[in-house]
Amino acid sequence: MKYLKIVGLLAVLIFFTSCEKEYMKYTKEPEYITNPQPEFKSFFEAYDRALSLWGIDYDELYIPTSYGTAHVIVSGPRNGEPLILLHGMNASSTMWYPNAKALADDYRIFAIDLIIEPGKSFKTVEFDELQDITAWYEEIFKALKLESYHLVGASRGGWIAVNLALHNQEKIKSMVLLSPAQTFIWIRPSMNLLKNIVNLLSSPQKQVSRSLETLSSNPGNIEKKYLEQYYIAAKKDSINTFMMDMMPFSNKEMQTLRMPVLVLIGDDDMINNEKSIRLAKEEIPRGEGYIIPNAGHFLSIDQAETVNKRIVKFLKGVDDTK
């Protein structure tokens, strides 16, 4: 019996060591990071300062794809269930700084920088249609050898998560959508939206500051290091990239989702309202949704502790039923 235990432990050790070596080939920093062009240098420096807020150990992977290099931040136990994080528009993976530690306690998190937005991913080929983005993510999942995974998407990342699931949901164990943009309903006219339009007449710095006031219930709580990166990213405007192609999904499409889906929005969310929650419950077979008090569109930052607990409870509930 003792011999069998030793053999078993060795097998586990070899397995995890091989997994570690498997990703080692992706840890070398590419030339565009080690010797950045002047236009990217200040952003990469700000990105690294923001990443110092992560609060836990992490590895940075640079995965070659047919569209360019994908940057992935990896944290958490190697034997943890994979949890993929898709950030909001122009926010990059560093936006998960209030959530990474709580999520990585039990899960192996993979935060991916969307290659068509400011981040450490680097495109070498132009994306002609949304389907190209889906294909790009699939290349990353294949490189990471993820057989199954949970998927968390914020804002635009939430829309992308649903789009990924509709193309291939076999490997997706569950989805968490944090105020997904253009997913259940169109972005409705509101005072906050009007303020964002008026902001276009202001200086770039004031535009971002005033925009944050409409997206967050308490922008003063956002870490300065992250804000510095966000300001630089906002100057590299990618707001119109495929935005016109991002239309709310039909009820028929939502009804095809077979995995458990959790939808969270803030009570002061300019992107979603109660209708989003109602549709999540009524149209997604295993859907549930909640409104987080005292939170805006950036609910993962505004009410990080509450959101973290909701997500972890949901994920463990899914895993416990397997």
C-alpha atoms as a PDB file:
ATOM      1  CA  MET A   1       0.000   0.000   0.000  1.00  0.00           C
ATOM      2  CA  LYS A   2       2.815   2.385   0.920  1.00  0.00           C
ATOM      3  CA  TYR A   3       4.534   1.563  -2.390  1.00  0.00           C
ATOM      4  CA  LEU A   4       1.363   2.363  -4.328  1.00  0.00           C
ATOM      5  CA  LYS A   5       1.032   5.720  -2.546  1.00  0.00           C
ATOM      6  CA  ILE A   6       4.605   6.634  -3.461  1.00  0.00           C
ATOM      7  CA  VAL A   7       4.034   5.640  -7.095  1.00  0.00           C
ATOM      8  CA  GLY A   8       0.835   7.685  -7.136  1.00  0.00           C
ATOM      9  CA  LEU A   9       2.570  10.762  -5.728  1.00  0.00           C
ATOM     10  CA  LEU A  10       5.365  10.422  -8.276  1.00  0.00           C
ATOM     11  CA  ALA A  11       2.819  10.180 -11.087  1.00  0.00           C
ATOM     12  CA  VAL A  12       1.102  13.363  -9.891  1.00  0.00           C
ATOM     13  CA  LEU A  13       4.453  15.144  -9.556  1.00  0.00           C
ATOM     14  CA  ILE A  14       5.507  14.099 -13.063  1.00  0.00           C
ATOM     15  CA  PHE A  15       2.146  15.226 -14.451  1.00  0.00           C
ATOM     16  CA  PHE A  16       2.326  18.707 -12.957  1.00  0.00           C
ATOM     17  CA  THR A  17       6.020  19.068 -13.799  1.00  0.00           C
ATOM     18  CA  SER A  18       5.270  18.180 -17.420  1.00  0.00           C
ATOM     19  CA  CYS A  19       2.439  20.767 -17.456  1.00  0.00           C
ATOM     20  CA  GLU A  20       4.836  23.372 -16.121  1.00  0.00           C
ATOM     21  CA  LYS A  21       7.421  22.537 -18.778  1.00  0.00           C
ATOM     22  CA  GLU A  22       4.683  22.615 -21.396  1.00  0.00           C
ATOM     23  CA  TYR A  23       4.040  26.295 -20.677  1.00  0.00           C
ATOM     24  CA  MET A  24       7.725  27.121 -20.177  1.00  0.00           C
ATOM     25  CA  LYS A  25       8.157  27.488 -23.934  1.00  0.00           C
ATOM     26  CA  TYR A  26       5.753  30.435 -23.814  1.00  0.00           C
ATOM     27  CA  THR A  27       7.492  32.379 -21.018  1.00  0.00           C
ATOM     28  CA  LYS A  28      10.255  33.997 -23.077  1.00  0.00           C
ATOM     29  CA  GLU A  29       9.497  37.661 -23.653  1.00  0.00           C
ATOM     30  CA  PRO A  30       9.297  38.560 -27.356  1.00  0.00           C
ATOM     31  CA  GLU A  31      11.262  41.327 -28.995  1.00  0.00           C
ATOM     32  CA  TYR A  32       8.337  43.767 -28.966  1.00  0.00           C
ATOM     33  CA  ILE A  33       8.367  43.571 -25.140  1.00  0.00           C
ATOM     34  CA  THR A  34      12.125  43.558 -24.489  1.00  0.00           C
ATOM     35  CA  ASN A  35      12.835  46.243 -27.065  1.00  0.00           C
ATOM     36  CA  PRO A  36       9.528  48.106 -27.501  1.00  0.00           C
ATOM     37  CA  GLN A  37       8.829  50.782 -30.050  1.00  0.00           C
ATOM     38  CA  PRO A  38       8.607  54.276 -28.494  1.00  0.00           C
ATOM     39  CA  GLU A  39       4.825  54.343 -29.027  1.00  0.00           C
ATOM     40  CA  PHE A  40       4.400  51.244 -26.819  1.00  0.00           C
ATOM     41  CA  LYS A  41       7.129  51.747 -24.217  1.00  0.00           C
ATOM     42  CA  SER A  42       5.186  53.970 -21.806  1.00  0.00           C
ATOM     43  CA  PHE A  43       2.127  51.725 -22.018  1.00  0.00           C
ATOM     44  CA  PHE A  44       4.075  48.541 -21.255  1.00  0.00           C
ATOM     45  CA  GLU A  45       5.716  50.256 -18.287  1.00  0.00           C
ATOM     46  CA  ALA A  46       2.312  51.391 -17.000  1.00  0.00           C
ATOM     47  CA  TYR A  47       0.948  47.875 -17.598  1.00  0.00           C
ATOM     48  CA  ASP A  48       3.698  46.336 -15.440  1.00  0.00           C
ATOM     49  CA  ARG A  49       3.032  48.829 -12.658  1.00  0.00           C
ATOM     50  CA  ALA A  50      -0.666  47.957 -12.763  1.00  0.00           C
ATOM     51  CA  LEU A  51       0.160  44.251 -12.748  1.00  0.00           C
ATOM     52  CA  SER A  52       2.038  44.771  -9.474  1.00  0.00           C
ATOM     53  CA  LEU A  53      -1.460  45.122  -7.931  1.00  0.00           C
ATOM     54  CA  TRP A  54      -2.216  41.453  -8.779  1.00  0.00           C
ATOM     55  CA  GLY A  55      -1.433  40.444  -5.191  1.00  0.00           C
ATOM     56  CA  ILE A  56      -0.332  36.867  -5.997  1.00  0.00           C
ATOM     57  CA  ASP A  57       2.334  35.073  -7.981  1.00  0.00           C
ATOM     58  CA  TYR A  58       1.782  34.941 -11.714  1.00  0.00           C
ATOM     59  CA  ASP A  59       3.429  33.869 -14.945  1.00  0.00           C
ATOM     60  CA  GLU A  60       3.202  35.772 -18.206  1.00  0.00           C
ATOM     61  CA  LEU A  61       2.857  33.660 -21.333  1.00  0.00           C
ATOM     62  CA  TYR A  62       3.409  34.804 -24.907  1.00  0.00           C
ATOM     63  CA  ILE A  63       1.645  32.329 -27.191  1.00  0.00           C
ATOM     64  CA  PRO A  64       2.235  32.473 -30.952  1.00  0.00           C
ATOM     65  CA  THR A  65      -0.922  32.333 -33.072  1.00  0.00           C
ATOM     66  CA  SER A  66      -1.654  32.819 -36.747  1.00  0.00           C
ATOM     67  CA  TYR A  67      -2.826  36.357 -35.909  1.00  0.00           C
ATOM     68  CA  GLY A  68       0.120  37.382 -33.732  1.00  0.00           C
ATOM     69  CA  THR A  69       1.223  36.856 -30.128  1.00  0.00           C
ATOM     70  CA  ALA A  70      -1.307  36.300 -27.351  1.00  0.00           C
ATOM     71  CA  HIS A  71      -0.369  37.530 -23.886  1.00  0.00           C
ATOM     72  CA  VAL A  72      -1.821  35.455 -21.037  1.00  0.00           C
ATOM     73  CA  ILE A  73      -1.408  36.005 -17.287  1.00  0.00           C
ATOM     74  CA  VAL A  74      -1.577  32.746 -15.344  1.00  0.00           C
ATOM     75  CA  SER A  75      -2.095  32.365 -11.577  1.00  0.00           C
ATOM     76  CA  GLY A  76      -3.426  29.845  -9.117  1.00  0.00           C
ATOM     77  CA  PRO A  77      -2.824  26.166  -8.311  1.00  0.00           C
ATOM     78  CA  ARG A  78      -1.734  24.024 -11.236  1.00  0.00           C
ATOM     79  CA  ASN A  79      -4.311  21.401 -10.313  1.00  0.00           C
ATOM     80  CA  GLY A  80      -7.097  23.979 -10.119  1.00  0.00           C
ATOM     81  CA  GLU A  81      -9.977  23.994 -12.582  1.00  0.00           C
ATOM     82  CA  PRO A  82      -9.142  26.361 -15.471  1.00  0.00           C
ATOM     83  CA  LEU A  83     -10.889  29.736 -15.333  1.00  0.00           C
ATOM     84  CA  ILE A  84     -10.527  32.048 -18.338  1.00  0.00           C
ATOM     85  CA  LEU A  85     -10.926  35.809 -17.822  1.00  0.00           C
ATOM     86  CA  LEU A  86     -11.948  38.089 -20.708  1.00  0.00           C
ATOM     87  CA  HIS A  87     -11.573  41.776 -19.877  1.00  0.00           C
ATOM     88  CA  GLY A  88     -13.697  44.778 -20.816  1.00  0.00           C
ATOM     89  CA  MET A  89     -12.995  47.178 -23.661  1.00  0.00           C
ATOM     90  CA  ASN A  90      -9.581  48.876 -23.462  1.00  0.00           C
ATOM     91  CA  ALA A  91      -9.243  47.606 -19.878  1.00  0.00           C
ATOM     92  CA  SER A  92      -6.699  44.794 -20.510  1.00  0.00           C
ATOM     93  CA  SER A  93      -6.187  41.866 -18.158  1.00  0.00           C
ATOM     94  CA  THR A  94      -4.838  44.104 -15.397  1.00  0.00           C
ATOM     95  CA  MET A  95      -8.472  45.123 -14.693  1.00  0.00           C
ATOM     96  CA  TRP A  96      -8.779  41.861 -12.721  1.00  0.00           C
ATOM     97  CA  TYR A  97      -6.436  43.129  -9.987  1.00  0.00           C
ATOM     98  CA  PRO A  98      -9.241  43.262  -7.341  1.00  0.00           C
ATOM     99  CA  ASN A  99     -10.396  39.748  -8.268  1.00  0.00           C
ATOM    100  CA  ALA A 100      -7.318  37.678  -9.126  1.00  0.00           C
ATOM    101  CA  LYS A 101      -6.371  36.636  -5.594  1.00  0.00           C
ATOM    102  CA  ALA A 102      -9.867  35.494  -4.610  1.00  0.00           C
ATOM    103  CA  LEU A 103     -10.432  33.614  -7.874  1.00  0.00           C
ATOM    104  CA  ALA A 104      -6.986  31.992  -7.844  1.00  0.00           C
ATOM    105  CA  ASP A 105      -7.386  30.481  -4.378  1.00  0.00           C
ATOM    106  CA  ASP A 106      -8.965  27.399  -5.934  1.00  0.00           C
ATOM    107  CA  TYR A 107      -8.877  28.031  -9.678  1.00  0.00           C
ATOM    108  CA  ARG A 108      -6.136  28.217 -12.284  1.00  0.00           C
ATOM    109  CA  ILE A 109      -6.877  31.569 -13.884  1.00  0.00           C
ATOM    110  CA  PHE A 110      -5.889  32.550 -17.425  1.00  0.00           C
ATOM    111  CA  ALA A 111      -6.355  36.267 -18.155  1.00  0.00           C
ATOM    112  CA  ILE A 112      -6.037  36.972 -21.880  1.00  0.00           C
ATOM    113  CA  ASP A 113      -5.305  40.383 -23.419  1.00  0.00           C
ATOM    114  CA  LEU A 114      -7.589  40.890 -26.429  1.00  0.00           C
ATOM    115  CA  ILE A 115      -5.223  41.274 -29.359  1.00  0.00           C
ATOM    116  CA  ILE A 116      -7.152  44.081 -31.112  1.00  0.00           C
ATOM    117  CA  GLU A 117      -7.026  46.326 -28.021  1.00  0.00           C
ATOM    118  CA  PRO A 118      -4.253  47.926 -25.934  1.00  0.00           C
ATOM    119  CA  GLY A 119      -2.468  45.222 -23.948  1.00  0.00           C
ATOM    120  CA  LYS A 120       0.548  42.984 -24.245  1.00  0.00           C
ATOM    121  CA  SER A 121      -0.869  40.843 -27.023  1.00  0.00           C
ATOM    122  CA  PHE A 122       0.546  41.885 -30.389  1.00  0.00           C
ATOM    123  CA  LYS A 123      -1.201  41.414 -33.713  1.00  0.00           C
ATOM    124  CA  THR A 124       0.638  40.842 -36.992  1.00  0.00           C
ATOM    125  CA  VAL A 125      -2.465  40.261 -39.119  1.00  0.00           C
ATOM    126  CA  GLU A 126      -5.554  42.427 -39.425  1.00  0.00           C
ATOM    127  CA  PHE A 127      -8.867  41.044 -38.197  1.00  0.00           C
ATOM    128  CA  ASP A 128     -11.493  41.305 -40.906  1.00  0.00           C
ATOM    129  CA  GLU A 129     -14.511  39.970 -38.993  1.00  0.00           C
ATOM    130  CA  LEU A 130     -15.660  38.903 -35.545  1.00  0.00           C
ATOM    131  CA  GLN A 131     -15.233  35.256 -36.457  1.00  0.00           C
ATOM    132  CA  ASP A 132     -11.479  35.901 -36.604  1.00  0.00           C
ATOM    133  CA  ILE A 133     -11.529  36.797 -32.902  1.00  0.00           C
ATOM    134  CA  THR A 134     -13.314  33.546 -32.101  1.00  0.00           C
ATOM    135  CA  ALA A 135     -10.728  31.604 -34.119  1.00  0.00           C
ATOM    136  CA  TRP A 136      -7.900  33.428 -32.312  1.00  0.00           C
ATOM    137  CA  TYR A 137      -9.216  32.476 -28.867  1.00  0.00           C
ATOM    138  CA  GLU A 138      -9.641  28.865 -29.985  1.00  0.00           C
ATOM    139  CA  GLU A 139      -5.964  28.795 -30.980  1.00  0.00           C
ATOM    140  CA  ILE A 140      -5.014  29.967 -27.484  1.00  0.00           C
ATOM    141  CA  PHE A 141      -7.193  27.382 -25.737  1.00  0.00           C
ATOM    142  CA  LYS A 142      -5.637  24.677 -27.901  1.00  0.00           C
ATOM    143  CA  ALA A 143      -2.096  25.866 -27.115  1.00  0.00           C
ATOM    144  CA  LEU A 144      -2.921  25.816 -23.386  1.00  0.00           C
ATOM    145  CA  LYS A 145      -4.359  22.290 -23.818  1.00  0.00           C
ATOM    146  CA  LEU A 146      -7.537  23.185 -21.935  1.00  0.00           C
ATOM    147  CA  GLU A 147      -9.952  20.282 -22.133  1.00  0.00           C
ATOM    148  CA  SER A 148     -12.657  22.120 -20.175  1.00  0.00           C
ATOM    149  CA  TYR A 149     -12.866  25.472 -18.455  1.00  0.00           C
ATOM    150  CA  HIS A 150     -15.037  28.104 -16.817  1.00  0.00           C
ATOM    151  CA  LEU A 151     -15.364  31.415 -18.648  1.00  0.00           C
ATOM    152  CA  VAL A 152     -15.736  34.893 -17.096  1.00  0.00           C
ATOM    153  CA  GLY A 153     -16.300  37.920 -19.315  1.00  0.00           C
ATOM    154  CA  ALA A 154     -16.728  41.575 -18.357  1.00  0.00           C
ATOM    155  CA  SER A 155     -18.557  44.119 -20.547  1.00  0.00           C
ATOM    156  CA  ARG A 156     -17.321  43.543 -24.110  1.00  0.00           C
ATOM    157  CA  GLY A 157     -15.607  40.404 -22.803  1.00  0.00           C
ATOM    158  CA  GLY A 158     -19.036  39.134 -21.773  1.00  0.00           C
ATOM    159  CA  TRP A 159     -20.344  39.504 -25.311  1.00  0.00           C
ATOM    160  CA  ILE A 160     -17.276  37.704 -26.631  1.00  0.00           C
ATOM    161  CA  ALA A 161     -17.771  34.894 -24.074  1.00  0.00           C
ATOM    162  CA  VAL A 162     -21.330  34.271 -25.297  1.00  0.00           C
ATOM    163  CA  ASN A 163     -20.191  34.404 -28.917  1.00  0.00           C
ATOM    164  CA  LEU A 164     -17.486  31.831 -28.161  1.00  0.00           C
ATOM    165  CA  ALA A 165     -20.048  29.582 -26.470  1.00  0.00           C
ATOM    166  CA  LEU A 166     -22.443  29.766 -29.400  1.00  0.00           C
ATOM    167  CA  HIS A 167     -19.669  28.610 -31.740  1.00  0.00           C
ATOM    168  CA  ASN A 168     -18.362  25.820 -29.496  1.00  0.00           C
ATOM    169  CA  GLN A 169     -19.746  25.249 -26.023  1.00  0.00           C
ATOM    170  CA  GLU A 170     -18.612  21.651 -25.559  1.00  0.00           C
ATOM    171  CA  LYS A 171     -15.620  22.575 -23.380  1.00  0.00           C
ATOM    172  CA  ILE A 172     -17.218  25.447 -21.453  1.00  0.00           C
ATOM    173  CA  LYS A 173     -18.289  24.255 -17.985  1.00  0.00           C
ATOM    174  CA  SER A 174     -19.955  27.546 -17.034  1.00  0.00           C
ATOM    175  CA  MET A 175     -20.047  31.237 -17.850  1.00  0.00           C
ATOM    176  CA  VAL A 176     -20.079  34.332 -15.652  1.00  0.00           C
ATOM    177  CA  LEU A 177     -21.093  37.548 -17.420  1.00  0.00           C
ATOM    178  CA  LEU A 178     -20.297  40.802 -15.618  1.00  0.00           C
ATOM    179  CA  SER A 179     -22.459  43.558 -17.104  1.00  0.00           C
ATOM    180  CA  PRO A 180     -22.059  42.139 -20.625  1.00  0.00           C
ATOM    181  CA  ALA A 181     -22.254  44.853 -23.284  1.00  0.00           C
ATOM    182  CA  GLN A 182     -24.778  44.558 -26.139  1.00  0.00           C
ATOM    183  CA  THR A 183     -25.545  40.990 -25.065  1.00  0.00           C
ATOM    184  CA  PHE A 184     -29.126  40.976 -23.796  1.00  0.00           C
ATOM    185  CA  ILE A 185     -30.208  44.512 -24.674  1.00  0.00           C
ATOM    186  CA  TRP A 186     -28.983  47.484 -26.682  1.00  0.00           C
ATOM    187  CA  ILE A 187     -27.097  50.133 -24.748  1.00  0.00           C
ATOM    188  CA  ARG A 188     -29.996  52.376 -23.870  1.00  0.00           C
ATOM    189  CA  PRO A 189     -30.038  56.208 -23.949  1.00  0.00           C
ATOM    190  CA  SER A 190     -29.350  57.612 -20.491  1.00  0.00           C
ATOM    191  CA  MET A 191     -27.959  60.641 -18.699  1.00  0.00           C
ATOM    192  CA  ASN A 192     -24.650  58.823 -18.242  1.00  0.00           C
ATOM    193  CA  LEU A 193     -24.461  58.051 -21.951  1.00  0.00           C
ATOM    194  CA  LEU A 194     -25.204  61.722 -22.705  1.00  0.00           C
ATOM    195  CA  LYS A 195     -22.384  62.725 -20.355  1.00  0.00           C
ATOM    196  CA  ASN A 196     -19.995  60.457 -22.270  1.00  0.00           C
ATOM    197  CA  ILE A 197     -20.975  62.148 -25.549  1.00  0.00           C
ATOM    198  CA  VAL A 198     -20.474  65.613 -24.033  1.00  0.00           C
ATOM    199  CA  ASN A 199     -17.092  64.459 -22.692  1.00  0.00           C
ATOM    200  CA  LEU A 200     -15.830  64.202 -26.277  1.00  0.00           C
ATOM    201  CA  LEU A 201     -15.563  67.999 -26.254  1.00  0.00           C
ATOM    202  CA  SER A 202     -13.162  67.899 -23.287  1.00  0.00           C
ATOM    203  CA  SER A 203      -9.423  67.288 -23.143  1.00  0.00           C
ATOM    204  CA  PRO A 204      -8.324  63.615 -23.374  1.00  0.00           C
ATOM    205  CA  GLN A 205      -7.512  63.480 -19.636  1.00  0.00           C
ATOM    206  CA  LYS A 206     -10.872  64.964 -18.679  1.00  0.00           C
ATOM    207  CA  GLN A 207     -12.654  62.690 -21.148  1.00  0.00           C
ATOM    208  CA  VAL A 208     -11.353  59.590 -19.362  1.00  0.00           C
ATOM    209  CA  SER A 209     -11.919  60.973 -15.872  1.00  0.00           C
ATOM    210  CA  ARG A 210     -15.510  61.979 -16.606  1.00  0.00           C
ATOM    211  CA  SER A 211     -16.166  58.719 -18.434  1.00  0.00           C
ATOM    212  CA  LEU A 212     -15.040  56.770 -15.365  1.00  0.00           C
ATOM    213  CA  GLU A 213     -17.552  58.703 -13.296  1.00  0.00           C
ATOM    214  CA  THR A 214     -20.340  57.285 -15.460  1.00  0.00           C
ATOM    215  CA  LEU A 215     -18.938  53.730 -15.409  1.00  0.00           C
ATOM    216  CA  SER A 216     -18.002  53.403 -11.743  1.00  0.00           C
ATOM    217  CA  SER A 217     -20.075  54.119  -8.648  1.00  0.00           C
ATOM    218  CA  ASN A 218     -16.906  55.192  -6.852  1.00  0.00           C
ATOM    219  CA  PRO A 219     -14.054  56.007  -9.268  1.00  0.00           C
ATOM    220  CA  GLY A 220     -11.997  57.298  -6.348  1.00  0.00           C
ATOM    221  CA  ASN A 221     -11.502  53.690  -5.248  1.00  0.00           C
ATOM    222  CA  ILE A 222      -9.782  52.685  -8.476  1.00  0.00           C
ATOM    223  CA  GLU A 223      -6.067  52.183  -7.891  1.00  0.00           C
ATOM    224  CA  LYS A 224      -3.897  54.964  -9.287  1.00  0.00           C
ATOM    225  CA  LYS A 225      -1.476  52.522 -10.927  1.00  0.00           C
ATOM    226  CA  TYR A 226      -4.318  51.009 -12.892  1.00  0.00           C
ATOM    227  CA  LEU A 227      -5.724  54.418 -13.827  1.00  0.00           C
ATOM    228  CA  GLU A 228      -2.368  55.467 -15.288  1.00  0.00           C
ATOM    229  CA  GLN A 229      -2.472  52.482 -17.629  1.00  0.00           C
ATOM    230  CA  TYR A 230      -6.152  53.035 -18.419  1.00  0.00           C
ATOM    231  CA  TYR A 231      -5.502  56.661 -19.413  1.00  0.00           C
ATOM    232  CA  ILE A 232      -2.794  55.612 -21.891  1.00  0.00           C
ATOM    233  CA  ALA A 233      -4.968  52.816 -23.287  1.00  0.00           C
ATOM    234  CA  ALA A 234      -7.890  55.206 -23.800  1.00  0.00           C
ATOM    235  CA  LYS A 235      -5.746  57.311 -26.117  1.00  0.00           C
ATOM    236  CA  LYS A 236      -5.305  54.260 -28.367  1.00  0.00           C
ATOM    237  CA  ASP A 237      -8.994  54.328 -29.283  1.00  0.00           C
ATOM    238  CA  SER A 238     -10.360  50.937 -30.323  1.00  0.00           C
ATOM    239  CA  ILE A 239     -13.958  51.697 -29.414  1.00  0.00           C
ATOM    240  CA  ASN A 240     -15.267  51.286 -32.945  1.00  0.00           C
ATOM    241  CA  THR A 241     -13.538  47.986 -33.732  1.00  0.00           C
ATOM    242  CA  PHE A 242     -16.396  45.594 -34.519  1.00  0.00           C
ATOM    243  CA  MET A 243     -18.729  47.558 -32.226  1.00  0.00           C
ATOM    244  CA  MET A 244     -21.369  47.791 -34.961  1.00  0.00           C
ATOM    245  CA  ASP A 245     -21.233  44.005 -35.351  1.00  0.00           C
ATOM    246  CA  MET A 246     -21.878  43.406 -31.653  1.00  0.00           C
ATOM    247  CA  MET A 247     -25.647  43.057 -31.581  1.00  0.00           C
ATOM    248  CA  PRO A 248     -27.728  41.561 -28.758  1.00  0.00           C
ATOM    249  CA  PHE A 249     -28.174  37.828 -29.128  1.00  0.00           C
ATOM    250  CA  SER A 250     -31.609  36.480 -29.956  1.00  0.00           C
ATOM    251  CA  ASN A 251     -33.718  34.557 -27.463  1.00  0.00           C
ATOM    252  CA  LYS A 252     -33.352  31.544 -29.728  1.00  0.00           C
ATOM    253  CA  GLU A 253     -29.558  31.745 -29.501  1.00  0.00           C
ATOM    254  CA  MET A 254     -29.630  32.140 -25.716  1.00  0.00           C
ATOM    255  CA  GLN A 255     -31.871  29.097 -25.415  1.00  0.00           C
ATOM    256  CA  THR A 256     -29.167  26.924 -26.999  1.00  0.00           C
ATOM    257  CA  LEU A 257     -26.697  27.562 -24.153  1.00  0.00           C
ATOM    258  CA  ARG A 258     -26.496  24.386 -22.097  1.00  0.00           C
ATOM    259  CA  MET A 259     -23.965  25.362 -19.414  1.00  0.00           C
ATOM    260  CA  PRO A 260     -24.858  27.198 -16.175  1.00  0.00           C
ATOM    261  CA  VAL A 261     -24.673  30.973 -16.695  1.00  0.00           C
ATOM    262  CA  LEU A 262     -24.436  33.655 -14.004  1.00  0.00           C
ATOM    263  CA  VAL A 263     -25.158  37.280 -14.930  1.00  0.00           C
ATOM    264  CA  LEU A 264     -24.235  40.127 -12.560  1.00  0.00           C
ATOM    265  CA  ILE A 265     -24.898  43.831 -13.139  1.00  0.00           C
ATOM    266  CA  GLY A 266     -24.600  46.929 -10.968  1.00  0.00           C
ATOM    267  CA  ASP A 267     -27.650  48.829  -9.755  1.00  0.00           C
ATOM    268  CA  ASP A 268     -26.182  51.979 -11.377  1.00  0.00           C
ATOM    269  CA  ASP A 269     -25.172  50.273 -14.625  1.00  0.00           C
ATOM    270  CA  MET A 270     -25.484  52.354 -17.783  1.00  0.00           C
ATOM    271  CA  ILE A 271     -25.074  49.263 -20.003  1.00  0.00           C
ATOM    272  CA  ASN A 272     -27.699  46.918 -18.500  1.00  0.00           C
ATOM    273  CA  ASN A 273     -30.844  47.020 -16.380  1.00  0.00           C
ATOM    274  CA  GLU A 274     -33.423  44.677 -14.831  1.00  0.00           C
ATOM    275  CA  LYS A 275     -34.403  43.442 -18.302  1.00  0.00           C
ATOM    276  CA  SER A 276     -30.962  41.863 -18.740  1.00  0.00           C
ATOM    277  CA  ILE A 277     -31.431  39.881 -15.531  1.00  0.00           C
ATOM    278  CA  ARG A 278     -34.947  38.841 -16.508  1.00  0.00           C
ATOM    279  CA  LEU A 279     -33.796  37.618 -19.925  1.00  0.00           C
ATOM    280  CA  ALA A 280     -30.904  35.712 -18.348  1.00  0.00           C
ATOM    281  CA  LYS A 281     -33.328  33.861 -16.083  1.00  0.00           C
ATOM    282  CA  GLU A 282     -36.075  33.304 -18.662  1.00  0.00           C
ATOM    283  CA  GLU A 283     -34.167  32.581 -21.873  1.00  0.00           C
ATOM    284  CA  ILE A 284     -31.023  30.744 -20.729  1.00  0.00           C
ATOM    285  CA  PRO A 285     -32.030  27.241 -19.588  1.00  0.00           C
ATOM    286  CA  ARG A 286     -29.606  27.248 -16.644  1.00  0.00           C
ATOM    287  CA  GLY A 287     -29.310  31.008 -16.270  1.00  0.00           C
ATOM    288  CA  GLU A 288     -29.417  33.087 -13.108  1.00  0.00           C
ATOM    289  CA  GLY A 289     -28.805  36.750 -12.461  1.00  0.00           C
ATOM    290  CA  TYR A 290     -28.434  39.304  -9.704  1.00  0.00           C
ATOM    291  CA  ILE A 291     -28.118  43.059  -9.279  1.00  0.00           C
ATOM    292  CA  ILE A 292     -25.170  44.172  -7.140  1.00  0.00           C
ATOM    293  CA  PRO A 293     -26.001  47.200  -4.933  1.00  0.00           C
ATOM    294  CA  ASN A 294     -23.808  50.321  -4.982  1.00  0.00           C
ATOM    295  CA  ALA A 295     -22.073  49.315  -8.204  1.00  0.00           C
ATOM    296  CA  GLY A 296     -21.807  50.725 -11.702  1.00  0.00           C
ATOM    297  CA  HIS A 297     -20.649  49.108 -14.915  1.00  0.00           C
ATOM    298  CA  PHE A 298     -17.252  48.388 -13.308  1.00  0.00           C
ATOM    299  CA  LEU A 299     -18.869  46.191 -10.662  1.00  0.00           C
ATOM    300  CA  SER A 300     -15.831  43.886 -10.399  1.00  0.00           C
ATOM    301  CA  ILE A 301     -13.943  46.906  -9.047  1.00  0.00           C
ATOM    302  CA  ASP A 302     -16.772  48.820  -7.365  1.00  0.00           C
ATOM    303  CA  GLN A 303     -17.888  45.846  -5.266  1.00  0.00           C
ATOM    304  CA  ALA A 304     -14.992  43.440  -5.687  1.00  0.00           C
ATOM    305  CA  GLU A 305     -15.535  41.433  -2.496  1.00  0.00           C
ATOM    306  CA  THR A 306     -19.237  40.853  -3.189  1.00  0.00           C
ATOM    307  CA  VAL A 307     -18.604  39.979  -6.836  1.00  0.00           C
ATOM    308  CA  ASN A 308     -15.732  37.645  -5.947  1.00  0.00           C
ATOM    309  CA  LYS A 309     -17.880  35.745  -3.449  1.00  0.00           C
ATOM    310  CA  ARG A 310     -20.747  35.445  -5.932  1.00  0.00           C
ATOM    311  CA  ILE A 311     -18.458  34.118  -8.648  1.00  0.00           C
ATOM    312  CA  VAL A 312     -16.639  31.611  -6.445  1.00  0.00           C
ATOM    313  CA  LYS A 313     -19.887  30.320  -4.918  1.00  0.00           C
ATOM    314  CA  PHE A 314     -21.351  29.857  -8.395  1.00  0.00           C
ATOM    315  CA  LEU A 315     -18.261  28.099  -9.776  1.00  0.00           C
ATOM    316  CA  LYS A 316     -17.997  25.730  -6.813  1.00  0.00           C
ATOM    317  CA  GLY A 317     -21.691  24.944  -7.134  1.00  0.00           C
ATOM    318  CA  VAL A 318     -21.081  23.945 -10.749  1.00  0.00           C
ATOM    319  CA  ASP A 319     -18.013  21.863  -9.920  1.00  0.00           C
ATOM    320  CA  ASP A 320     -19.709  20.128  -6.975  1.00  0.00           C
ATOM    321  CA  THR A 321     -22.485  18.846  -9.226  1.00  0.00           C
ATOM    322  CA  LYS A 322     -20.060  17.088 -11.577  1.00  0.00           C
END
